[in-house]
Amino acid sequence: MEAVIIEKEALQLPDIERAVLADRLLASLSHTPAELEDAWIREAESRLAGFRKGEIEAVSGPDAMAELRKRFPR
């Protein structure tokens, strides 16, 4: 199957399915070193602990995306 056809089909998927597909494609390009993976896990756990303690405020997905789009326009 040609990449152009795959791209056309992929762009018709719902946002979440496109995000999962993009993540899988990016992961297939290179292997993440174990120490980097471990660092991301520690960061995620630290942020979750901070959220549970009330030290970090949650932001909705749509609000976060709107802020990113504002900061990094195309």
N, C-alpha and C. Protein backbone atom coordinates (compact mmCIF):
# COMPACT_ATOMS: atom_id res chain seq x y z
N MET A 1 0.86 -1.18 0.00
CA MET A 1 0.00 0.00 0.00
C MET A 1 0.90 1.24 0.00
N GLU A 2 0.59 2.20 -0.79
CA GLU A 2 1.39 3.40 -0.88
C GLU A 2 1.17 4.31 0.33
N ALA A 3 2.22 5.04 0.70
CA ALA A 3 2.17 5.93 1.86
C ALA A 3 1.08 6.98 1.71
N VAL A 4 0.87 7.48 0.51
CA VAL A 4 -0.15 8.51 0.28
C VAL A 4 -1.54 7.98 0.62
N ILE A 5 -1.81 6.76 0.25
CA ILE A 5 -3.11 6.14 0.55
C ILE A 5 -3.26 5.93 2.05
N ILE A 6 -2.20 5.44 2.68
CA ILE A 6 -2.24 5.21 4.12
C ILE A 6 -2.46 6.53 4.86
N GLU A 7 -1.75 7.58 4.42
CA GLU A 7 -1.91 8.89 5.05
C GLU A 7 -3.34 9.39 4.91
N LYS A 8 -3.91 9.27 3.73
CA LYS A 8 -5.28 9.72 3.48
C LYS A 8 -6.26 8.99 4.41
N GLU A 9 -6.09 7.69 4.53
CA GLU A 9 -6.96 6.90 5.41
C GLU A 9 -6.75 7.28 6.88
N ALA A 10 -5.49 7.44 7.27
CA ALA A 10 -5.17 7.75 8.67
C ALA A 10 -5.75 9.10 9.08
N LEU A 11 -5.74 10.07 8.18
CA LEU A 11 -6.25 11.39 8.51
C LEU A 11 -7.77 11.40 8.71
N GLN A 12 -8.43 10.35 8.33
CA GLN A 12 -9.88 10.25 8.53
C GLN A 12 -10.22 9.63 9.88
N LEU A 13 -9.23 9.13 10.60
CA LEU A 13 -9.47 8.52 11.91
C LEU A 13 -9.80 9.60 12.94
N PRO A 14 -10.52 9.21 14.00
CA PRO A 14 -10.77 10.14 15.10
C PRO A 14 -9.43 10.57 15.73
N ASP A 15 -9.42 11.72 16.39
CA ASP A 15 -8.20 12.26 16.99
C ASP A 15 -7.44 11.24 17.84
N ILE A 16 -8.13 10.56 18.73
CA ILE A 16 -7.45 9.65 19.65
C ILE A 16 -6.80 8.49 18.89
N GLU A 17 -7.47 7.98 17.88
CA GLU A 17 -6.89 6.89 17.10
C GLU A 17 -5.68 7.37 16.29
N ARG A 18 -5.74 8.60 15.79
CA ARG A 18 -4.58 9.17 15.08
C ARG A 18 -3.41 9.35 16.03
N ALA A 19 -3.71 9.78 17.26
CA ALA A 19 -2.65 9.98 18.25
C ALA A 19 -1.98 8.65 18.60
N VAL A 20 -2.76 7.61 18.79
CA VAL A 20 -2.21 6.29 19.10
C VAL A 20 -1.37 5.80 17.92
N LEU A 21 -1.87 5.96 16.72
CA LEU A 21 -1.14 5.55 15.53
C LEU A 21 0.17 6.32 15.41
N ALA A 22 0.12 7.62 15.61
CA ALA A 22 1.33 8.45 15.54
C ALA A 22 2.35 7.99 16.57
N ASP A 23 1.89 7.70 17.78
CA ASP A 23 2.79 7.23 18.84
C ASP A 23 3.45 5.92 18.43
N ARG A 24 2.68 5.01 17.89
CA ARG A 24 3.24 3.72 17.46
C ARG A 24 4.24 3.89 16.32
N LEU A 25 3.92 4.77 15.38
CA LEU A 25 4.84 5.01 14.26
C LEU A 25 6.15 5.63 14.75
N LEU A 26 6.05 6.61 15.64
CA LEU A 26 7.26 7.24 16.17
C LEU A 26 8.09 6.24 16.97
N ALA A 27 7.43 5.41 17.74
CA ALA A 27 8.14 4.40 18.53
C ALA A 27 8.86 3.41 17.64
N SER A 28 8.33 3.18 16.45
CA SER A 28 8.95 2.22 15.55
C SER A 28 10.21 2.76 14.88
N LEU A 29 10.41 4.08 14.92
CA LEU A 29 11.56 4.68 14.25
C LEU A 29 12.88 4.45 14.98
N SER A 30 12.83 4.51 16.29
CA SER A 30 14.06 4.29 17.05
C SER A 30 13.70 3.76 18.42
N HIS A 31 14.65 3.07 18.98
CA HIS A 31 14.46 2.50 20.31
C HIS A 31 14.86 3.53 21.36
N THR A 32 14.01 3.75 22.35
CA THR A 32 14.31 4.68 23.43
C THR A 32 15.23 3.98 24.43
N PRO A 33 16.36 4.61 24.76
CA PRO A 33 17.26 4.00 25.75
C PRO A 33 16.53 3.78 27.08
N ALA A 34 16.87 2.70 27.76
CA ALA A 34 16.20 2.33 29.01
C ALA A 34 16.29 3.44 30.04
N GLU A 35 17.43 4.14 30.11
CA GLU A 35 17.57 5.19 31.13
C GLU A 35 16.64 6.38 30.83
N LEU A 36 16.41 6.66 29.56
CA LEU A 36 15.47 7.72 29.20
C LEU A 36 14.04 7.30 29.53
N GLU A 37 13.70 6.07 29.21
CA GLU A 37 12.37 5.54 29.54
C GLU A 37 12.14 5.59 31.05
N ASP A 38 13.16 5.20 31.82
CA ASP A 38 13.06 5.24 33.29
C ASP A 38 12.88 6.66 33.80
N ALA A 39 13.58 7.61 33.18
CA ALA A 39 13.46 9.02 33.59
C ALA A 39 12.04 9.52 33.33
N TRP A 40 11.45 9.16 32.19
CA TRP A 40 10.07 9.58 31.90
C TRP A 40 9.08 8.95 32.88
N ILE A 41 9.32 7.70 33.25
CA ILE A 41 8.44 7.05 34.23
C ILE A 41 8.53 7.75 35.57
N ARG A 42 9.75 8.08 36.01
CA ARG A 42 9.91 8.80 37.28
C ARG A 42 9.22 10.17 37.22
N GLU A 43 9.36 10.86 36.10
CA GLU A 43 8.71 12.17 35.94
C GLU A 43 7.19 12.05 36.02
N ALA A 44 6.64 11.05 35.33
CA ALA A 44 5.19 10.85 35.35
C ALA A 44 4.71 10.52 36.76
N GLU A 45 5.44 9.67 37.46
CA GLU A 45 5.06 9.31 38.82
C GLU A 45 5.15 10.52 39.76
N SER A 46 6.17 11.34 39.56
CA SER A 46 6.33 12.54 40.37
C SER A 46 5.18 13.52 40.14
N ARG A 47 4.80 13.70 38.89
CA ARG A 47 3.69 14.60 38.57
C ARG A 47 2.38 14.08 39.14
N LEU A 48 2.16 12.76 39.04
CA LEU A 48 0.94 12.18 39.60
C LEU A 48 0.89 12.37 41.11
N ALA A 49 2.02 12.15 41.78
CA ALA A 49 2.08 12.35 43.23
C ALA A 49 1.80 13.81 43.57
N GLY A 50 2.38 14.73 42.82
CA GLY A 50 2.13 16.15 43.05
C GLY A 50 0.67 16.51 42.86
N PHE A 51 0.04 15.92 41.85
CA PHE A 51 -1.39 16.16 41.61
C PHE A 51 -2.22 15.64 42.78
N ARG A 52 -1.91 14.43 43.23
CA ARG A 52 -2.67 13.83 44.33
C ARG A 52 -2.52 14.62 45.62
N LYS A 53 -1.36 15.25 45.81
CA LYS A 53 -1.12 16.06 47.02
C LYS A 53 -1.71 17.46 46.88
N GLY A 54 -2.21 17.79 45.70
CA GLY A 54 -2.76 19.12 45.48
C GLY A 54 -1.71 20.16 45.13
N GLU A 55 -0.50 19.72 44.82
CA GLU A 55 0.59 20.63 44.47
C GLU A 55 0.55 21.02 42.99
N ILE A 56 -0.12 20.21 42.20
CA ILE A 56 -0.20 20.44 40.76
C ILE A 56 -1.68 20.46 40.37
N GLU A 57 -2.06 21.47 39.59
CA GLU A 57 -3.44 21.58 39.13
C GLU A 57 -3.61 20.86 37.80
N ALA A 58 -4.72 20.20 37.64
CA ALA A 58 -5.02 19.52 36.38
C ALA A 58 -5.50 20.52 35.34
N VAL A 59 -5.18 20.25 34.09
CA VAL A 59 -5.64 21.06 32.96
C VAL A 59 -6.35 20.11 32.00
N SER A 60 -7.50 20.50 31.51
CA SER A 60 -8.22 19.63 30.59
C SER A 60 -7.43 19.46 29.29
N GLY A 61 -7.64 18.35 28.63
CA GLY A 61 -6.98 18.09 27.35
C GLY A 61 -7.24 19.20 26.33
N PRO A 62 -8.51 19.59 26.12
CA PRO A 62 -8.78 20.66 25.16
C PRO A 62 -8.10 21.98 25.54
N ASP A 63 -8.06 22.31 26.83
CA ASP A 63 -7.38 23.54 27.25
C ASP A 63 -5.88 23.46 27.00
N ALA A 64 -5.30 22.30 27.28
CA ALA A 64 -3.86 22.12 27.05
C ALA A 64 -3.54 22.24 25.57
N MET A 65 -4.36 21.63 24.73
CA MET A 65 -4.12 21.70 23.28
C MET A 65 -4.30 23.13 22.77
N ALA A 66 -5.28 23.85 23.28
CA ALA A 66 -5.49 25.24 22.86
C ALA A 66 -4.28 26.09 23.22
N GLU A 67 -3.73 25.87 24.41
CA GLU A 67 -2.54 26.61 24.84
C GLU A 67 -1.34 26.28 23.95
N LEU A 68 -1.16 25.01 23.63
CA LEU A 68 -0.05 24.62 22.74
C LEU A 68 -0.21 25.21 21.35
N ARG A 69 -1.43 25.22 20.83
CA ARG A 69 -1.67 25.80 19.51
C ARG A 69 -1.39 27.30 19.50
N LYS A 70 -1.69 27.95 20.63
CA LYS A 70 -1.45 29.38 20.74
C LYS A 70 0.07 29.64 20.80
N ARG A 71 0.79 28.80 21.54
CA ARG A 71 2.23 28.98 21.71
C ARG A 71 3.02 28.60 20.46
N PHE A 72 2.51 27.61 19.73
CA PHE A 72 3.24 27.10 18.57
C PHE A 72 2.34 27.07 17.33
N PRO A 73 2.02 28.26 16.82
CA PRO A 73 1.14 28.30 15.63
C PRO A 73 1.86 27.69 14.42
N ARG A 74 1.09 27.20 13.50
CA ARG A 74 1.68 26.57 12.30
C ARG A 74 2.20 27.58 11.35
